[in-house]
Amino acid sequence: MSAAGDRLQDTARRAALALPDVSHGYPFTPGLDVYKVAGKVFLIVTDDPDEQIITVKCEPEHACAQECAYASITPGRYLDKRHWISLGPGPGITERLVTDAVEDSYDLVAERLPRRDRPSAR
């Protein structure tokens, strides 16, 4: 079952807030809900009801595979198109896929932090 836009966004928010040491706010603009670990962005959720997407960090090879597999996964909006992908509602975009994308993004960002700044193991 595909996740509708609002469910996609709510699923992403819940997944992010369930992870250790996550903060969130609106540092760029009121329409972009930004989630960080140790001050580093790993998830952006749009608050625009006409464009219900989330943007997550992704390994370039995995990003390319995801973009080829799903029509509603595109190069990342707002960020480096090679290392970020945006997910919108559409065929095959399930709550599990969204949760996995958020958790993978968090892990990518956390593992690149200096050891002293990394969150406790999850």
C-alpha atoms as a PDB file:
ATOM      1  CA  MET A   1       0.000   0.000   0.000  1.00  0.00           C
ATOM      2  CA  SER A   2       1.395   3.390  -1.000  1.00  0.00           C
ATOM      3  CA  ALA A   3       1.714   6.137   1.580  1.00  0.00           C
ATOM      4  CA  ALA A   4      -0.297   9.269   0.801  1.00  0.00           C
ATOM      5  CA  GLY A   5       1.604  12.541   1.104  1.00  0.00           C
ATOM      6  CA  ASP A   6       0.445  13.415   4.617  1.00  0.00           C
ATOM      7  CA  ARG A   7       1.065   9.856   5.832  1.00  0.00           C
ATOM      8  CA  LEU A   8       4.488   9.894   4.166  1.00  0.00           C
ATOM      9  CA  GLN A   9       5.390  13.069   6.044  1.00  0.00           C
ATOM     10  CA  ASP A  10       3.926  11.888   9.357  1.00  0.00           C
ATOM     11  CA  THR A  11       5.735   8.557   9.016  1.00  0.00           C
ATOM     12  CA  ALA A  12       9.032  10.368   8.367  1.00  0.00           C
ATOM     13  CA  ARG A  13       8.543  12.655  11.361  1.00  0.00           C
ATOM     14  CA  ARG A  14       7.721   9.741  13.692  1.00  0.00           C
ATOM     15  CA  ALA A  15      10.703   7.737  12.433  1.00  0.00           C
ATOM     16  CA  ALA A  16      13.069  10.673  12.960  1.00  0.00           C
ATOM     17  CA  LEU A  17      11.840  11.498  16.445  1.00  0.00           C
ATOM     18  CA  ALA A  18      12.223   7.862  17.516  1.00  0.00           C
ATOM     19  CA  LEU A  19      15.987   8.056  16.896  1.00  0.00           C
ATOM     20  CA  PRO A  20      18.499   9.102  19.599  1.00  0.00           C
ATOM     21  CA  ASP A  21      19.578  12.727  20.025  1.00  0.00           C
ATOM     22  CA  VAL A  22      17.397  14.180  17.264  1.00  0.00           C
ATOM     23  CA  SER A  23      16.478  17.843  17.205  1.00  0.00           C
ATOM     24  CA  HIS A  24      14.178  19.598  14.820  1.00  0.00           C
ATOM     25  CA  GLY A  25      13.067  23.060  13.909  1.00  0.00           C
ATOM     26  CA  TYR A  26      12.654  25.507  11.045  1.00  0.00           C
ATOM     27  CA  PRO A  27      16.133  27.030  10.541  1.00  0.00           C
ATOM     28  CA  PHE A  28      15.772  27.795   6.830  1.00  0.00           C
ATOM     29  CA  THR A  29      12.154  28.802   6.275  1.00  0.00           C
ATOM     30  CA  PRO A  30       8.836  28.160   8.018  1.00  0.00           C
ATOM     31  CA  GLY A  31       7.857  25.650   5.304  1.00  0.00           C
ATOM     32  CA  LEU A  32      10.763  23.256   5.865  1.00  0.00           C
ATOM     33  CA  ASP A  33      10.732  21.094   8.997  1.00  0.00           C
ATOM     34  CA  VAL A  34      14.404  20.120   9.485  1.00  0.00           C
ATOM     35  CA  TYR A  35      15.637  17.159  11.561  1.00  0.00           C
ATOM     36  CA  LYS A  36      19.242  16.988  12.760  1.00  0.00           C
ATOM     37  CA  VAL A  37      21.583  14.751  14.697  1.00  0.00           C
ATOM     38  CA  ALA A  38      24.449  16.590  16.445  1.00  0.00           C
ATOM     39  CA  GLY A  39      23.620  19.684  14.408  1.00  0.00           C
ATOM     40  CA  LYS A  40      23.789  17.876  11.038  1.00  0.00           C
ATOM     41  CA  VAL A  41      20.726  17.641   8.796  1.00  0.00           C
ATOM     42  CA  PHE A  42      19.440  14.173   7.894  1.00  0.00           C
ATOM     43  CA  LEU A  43      15.768  14.866   7.035  1.00  0.00           C
ATOM     44  CA  ILE A  44      13.761  17.742   5.602  1.00  0.00           C
ATOM     45  CA  VAL A  45       9.973  17.551   5.536  1.00  0.00           C
ATOM     46  CA  THR A  46       8.061  20.108   3.478  1.00  0.00           C
ATOM     47  CA  ASP A  47       5.025  21.647   5.103  1.00  0.00           C
ATOM     48  CA  ASP A  48       3.588  22.641   1.699  1.00  0.00           C
ATOM     49  CA  PRO A  49       0.312  20.707   1.225  1.00  0.00           C
ATOM     50  CA  ASP A  50       0.744  20.973  -2.563  1.00  0.00           C
ATOM     51  CA  GLU A  51       4.183  19.354  -2.484  1.00  0.00           C
ATOM     52  CA  GLN A  52       4.269  16.661   0.175  1.00  0.00           C
ATOM     53  CA  ILE A  53       7.837  15.405   0.007  1.00  0.00           C
ATOM     54  CA  ILE A  54      10.625  14.436   2.343  1.00  0.00           C
ATOM     55  CA  THR A  55      14.326  14.768   1.534  1.00  0.00           C
ATOM     56  CA  VAL A  56      16.943  12.401   2.995  1.00  0.00           C
ATOM     57  CA  LYS A  57      20.658  11.770   2.656  1.00  0.00           C
ATOM     58  CA  CYS A  58      21.566   8.708   0.592  1.00  0.00           C
ATOM     59  CA  GLU A  59      24.687   7.020  -0.777  1.00  0.00           C
ATOM     60  CA  PRO A  60      24.999   8.030  -4.471  1.00  0.00           C
ATOM     61  CA  GLU A  61      24.780   4.443  -5.770  1.00  0.00           C
ATOM     62  CA  HIS A  62      21.717   3.711  -3.667  1.00  0.00           C
ATOM     63  CA  ALA A  63      20.152   7.046  -4.647  1.00  0.00           C
ATOM     64  CA  CYS A  64      20.490   6.193  -8.330  1.00  0.00           C
ATOM     65  CA  ALA A  65      18.905   2.773  -7.800  1.00  0.00           C
ATOM     66  CA  GLN A  66      16.018   4.296  -5.822  1.00  0.00           C
ATOM     67  CA  GLU A  67      15.398   6.958  -8.480  1.00  0.00           C
ATOM     68  CA  CYS A  68      15.282   4.259 -11.169  1.00  0.00           C
ATOM     69  CA  ALA A  69      12.980   1.987  -9.147  1.00  0.00           C
ATOM     70  CA  TYR A  70      10.378   4.580  -8.079  1.00  0.00           C
ATOM     71  CA  ALA A  71       8.945   7.380 -10.217  1.00  0.00           C
ATOM     72  CA  SER A  72       8.250   9.540  -7.139  1.00  0.00           C
ATOM     73  CA  ILE A  73      11.842   9.391  -5.838  1.00  0.00           C
ATOM     74  CA  THR A  74      13.874  12.179  -7.392  1.00  0.00           C
ATOM     75  CA  PRO A  75      17.257  13.839  -6.844  1.00  0.00           C
ATOM     76  CA  GLY A  76      17.159  15.788  -3.584  1.00  0.00           C
ATOM     77  CA  ARG A  77      15.313  19.042  -3.521  1.00  0.00           C
ATOM     78  CA  TYR A  78      17.223  21.948  -1.930  1.00  0.00           C
ATOM     79  CA  LEU A  79      20.465  19.973  -1.496  1.00  0.00           C
ATOM     80  CA  ASP A  80      23.282  18.180  -3.346  1.00  0.00           C
ATOM     81  CA  LYS A  81      21.480  16.108  -5.965  1.00  0.00           C
ATOM     82  CA  ARG A  82      24.083  13.339  -5.770  1.00  0.00           C
ATOM     83  CA  HIS A  83      23.854  12.695  -2.023  1.00  0.00           C
ATOM     84  CA  TRP A  84      20.205  13.484  -1.303  1.00  0.00           C
ATOM     85  CA  ILE A  85      16.894  12.131  -2.594  1.00  0.00           C
ATOM     86  CA  SER A  86      13.347  13.414  -2.272  1.00  0.00           C
ATOM     87  CA  LEU A  87      10.447  11.007  -1.804  1.00  0.00           C
ATOM     88  CA  GLY A  88       6.923  11.926  -2.729  1.00  0.00           C
ATOM     89  CA  PRO A  89       3.706   9.942  -2.607  1.00  0.00           C
ATOM     90  CA  GLY A  90       3.276   7.429  -5.391  1.00  0.00           C
ATOM     91  CA  PRO A  91       3.283   3.775  -6.393  1.00  0.00           C
ATOM     92  CA  GLY A  92       5.558   1.684  -4.196  1.00  0.00           C
ATOM     93  CA  ILE A  93       6.251   4.403  -1.607  1.00  0.00           C
ATOM     94  CA  THR A  94       5.254   2.549   1.534  1.00  0.00           C
ATOM     95  CA  GLU A  95       5.525   3.504   5.180  1.00  0.00           C
ATOM     96  CA  ARG A  96       8.301   0.898   5.555  1.00  0.00           C
ATOM     97  CA  LEU A  97      10.259   2.439   2.654  1.00  0.00           C
ATOM     98  CA  VAL A  98       9.907   5.901   4.215  1.00  0.00           C
ATOM     99  CA  THR A  99      10.993   4.687   7.657  1.00  0.00           C
ATOM    100  CA  ASP A 100      13.980   2.859   6.157  1.00  0.00           C
ATOM    101  CA  ALA A 101      14.997   5.955   4.170  1.00  0.00           C
ATOM    102  CA  VAL A 102      14.884   8.152   7.298  1.00  0.00           C
ATOM    103  CA  GLU A 103      16.831   5.634   9.405  1.00  0.00           C
ATOM    104  CA  ASP A 104      19.431   5.119   6.657  1.00  0.00           C
ATOM    105  CA  SER A 105      19.877   8.876   6.314  1.00  0.00           C
ATOM    106  CA  TYR A 106      20.310   9.258  10.072  1.00  0.00           C
ATOM    107  CA  ASP A 107      22.885   6.445  10.116  1.00  0.00           C
ATOM    108  CA  LEU A 108      24.842   7.996   7.228  1.00  0.00           C
ATOM    109  CA  VAL A 109      25.035  11.343   8.985  1.00  0.00           C
ATOM    110  CA  ALA A 110      25.759   9.875  12.442  1.00  0.00           C
ATOM    111  CA  GLU A 111      28.578   7.623  11.249  1.00  0.00           C
ATOM    112  CA  ARG A 112      30.381  10.608   9.749  1.00  0.00           C
ATOM    113  CA  LEU A 113      30.304  12.576  12.994  1.00  0.00           C
ATOM    114  CA  PRO A 114      33.393  12.765  15.181  1.00  0.00           C
ATOM    115  CA  ARG A 115      33.225   9.866  17.640  1.00  0.00           C
ATOM    116  CA  ARG A 116      32.594  12.210  20.591  1.00  0.00           C
ATOM    117  CA  ASP A 117      29.508  13.663  18.855  1.00  0.00           C
ATOM    118  CA  ARG A 118      27.901  10.406  17.784  1.00  0.00           C
ATOM    119  CA  PRO A 119      24.647   9.481  19.473  1.00  0.00           C
ATOM    120  CA  SER A 120      24.447   6.468  21.716  1.00  0.00           C
ATOM    121  CA  ALA A 121      23.894   3.237  19.805  1.00  0.00           C
ATOM    122  CA  ARG A 122      20.365   2.540  18.687  1.00  0.00           C
END
